[in-house]
Protein backbone atom coordinates (compact mmCIF):
# COMPACT_ATOMS: atom_id res chain seq x y z
CA UNK A 1 77.36 163.33 8.25
CA UNK A 2 73.02 162.87 8.27
CA UNK A 3 71.19 159.92 6.65
CA UNK A 4 68.11 160.28 5.79
CA UNK A 5 64.93 157.71 4.26
CA UNK A 6 63.83 159.71 1.43
CA UNK A 7 60.90 157.07 0.02
CA UNK A 8 62.71 153.81 -2.30
CA UNK A 9 66.11 155.79 -0.93
CA UNK A 10 68.66 155.69 2.09
CA UNK A 11 70.27 159.30 1.53
CA UNK A 12 73.97 159.44 3.35
CA UNK A 13 75.67 163.21 3.05
CA UNK A 14 78.20 163.57 4.43
CA UNK A 15 79.90 167.74 5.03
CA UNK A 16 83.81 167.02 5.83
CA UNK A 17 86.57 164.59 6.63
CA UNK A 18 88.84 165.32 9.14
CA UNK A 19 91.62 163.11 9.62
CA UNK A 20 92.76 161.98 12.95
CA UNK A 21 96.01 160.64 14.47
CA UNK A 22 94.72 159.78 18.01
CA UNK A 23 92.31 156.73 18.91
CA UNK A 24 88.26 158.23 18.75
CA UNK A 25 87.18 157.59 22.32
CA UNK A 26 83.44 157.35 21.21
CA UNK A 27 82.78 154.39 18.90
CA UNK A 28 79.46 154.68 18.64
CA UNK A 29 78.66 152.77 15.30
CA UNK A 30 77.97 154.01 12.36
CA UNK A 31 74.38 153.07 12.26
CA UNK A 32 73.59 153.99 15.61
CA UNK A 33 74.96 157.93 14.57
CA UNK A 34 72.68 158.23 11.21
CA UNK A 35 70.14 156.94 13.95
CA UNK A 36 70.83 160.03 16.27
CA UNK A 37 71.17 162.00 13.05
CA UNK A 38 67.44 160.61 11.25
CA UNK A 39 65.79 161.37 14.82
CA UNK A 40 66.38 164.97 15.45
CA UNK A 41 68.59 165.94 11.73
CA UNK A 42 71.32 167.49 12.88
CA UNK A 43 74.20 165.78 11.24
CA UNK A 44 76.12 163.32 13.47
CA UNK A 45 80.33 162.79 13.38
CA UNK A 46 80.58 159.47 12.53
CA UNK A 47 85.08 158.31 13.18
CA UNK A 48 86.10 155.38 10.75
CA UNK A 49 89.72 153.62 10.50
CA UNK A 50 90.18 153.72 7.43
CA UNK A 51 90.81 149.91 5.75
CA UNK A 52 93.45 151.15 2.49
CA UNK A 53 94.10 153.64 0.74
CA UNK A 54 94.92 153.49 -3.22
CA UNK A 55 96.29 156.32 -4.97
CA UNK A 56 93.44 159.31 -4.74
CA UNK A 57 90.43 156.44 -3.09
CA UNK A 58 90.54 155.87 0.36
CA UNK A 59 88.26 152.61 1.50
CA UNK A 60 86.11 152.53 4.12
CA UNK A 61 83.22 150.27 5.88
CA UNK A 62 80.23 151.36 7.38
CA UNK A 63 76.86 149.05 9.38
CA UNK A 64 73.72 150.10 7.86
CA UNK A 65 70.79 151.02 10.45
CA UNK A 66 67.86 149.01 9.82
CA UNK A 67 65.82 151.59 8.55
CA UNK A 68 68.04 151.49 5.45
CA UNK A 69 67.68 148.06 4.65
CA UNK A 70 66.00 146.89 0.73
CA UNK A 71 66.47 150.70 0.26
CA UNK A 72 68.86 152.33 -2.80
CA UNK A 73 71.99 153.90 -0.90
CA UNK A 74 72.79 157.47 -2.35
CA UNK A 75 75.98 159.50 -0.69
CA UNK A 76 76.14 163.08 -1.22
CA UNK A 77 78.98 165.45 -0.93
CA UNK A 78 79.08 169.00 -0.70
CA UNK A 79 78.76 170.73 -4.86
CA UNK A 80 81.79 172.61 -4.51
CA UNK A 81 83.82 168.83 -3.13
CA UNK A 82 84.40 167.13 0.24
CA UNK A 83 86.46 168.75 2.61
CA UNK A 84 89.63 166.61 3.66
CA UNK A 85 91.42 168.77 7.04
CA UNK A 86 93.95 167.84 9.60
CA UNK A 87 92.23 167.41 12.98
CA UNK A 88 93.41 169.47 15.69
CA UNK A 89 95.61 166.05 17.31
CA UNK A 90 97.34 165.78 14.25
CA UNK A 91 97.82 169.85 14.03
CA UNK A 92 99.34 169.77 16.82
CA UNK A 93 101.21 165.91 15.94
CA UNK A 94 102.96 167.76 13.14
CA UNK A 95 104.41 170.81 14.54
CA UNK A 96 105.97 168.33 17.60
CA UNK A 97 107.20 166.80 14.64
CA UNK A 98 108.93 169.98 13.32
CA UNK A 99 109.77 170.85 16.59
CA UNK A 100 112.16 168.10 16.73
CA UNK A 101 113.19 168.00 13.74
CA UNK A 102 111.79 164.97 12.69
CA UNK A 103 110.24 166.63 9.37
CA UNK A 104 111.75 168.17 7.05
CA UNK A 105 110.51 170.10 3.98
CA UNK A 106 106.71 169.24 3.92
């Protein structure tokens, strides 16, 4: 994720989503991560709890940095779609569950 002020817009560029089974250790706010991204021009990893999943929709909320206040928020994703991947911890949990016979036909 990268955040940029672009005139009357505040642009958020999403690069990917990783799903995890463990609670993240780094609990910095979305706005703090955006500020870091704006300062150093590098993408930042943001950890957010999914609030709701309905059909094909993931819902979450974010706190915006001061730079975004009063601006139109635009969210961009890659042209070929937003990759959703399992985090390493989720892969290890699934492997462990398969080895214990807890998962069938996945």
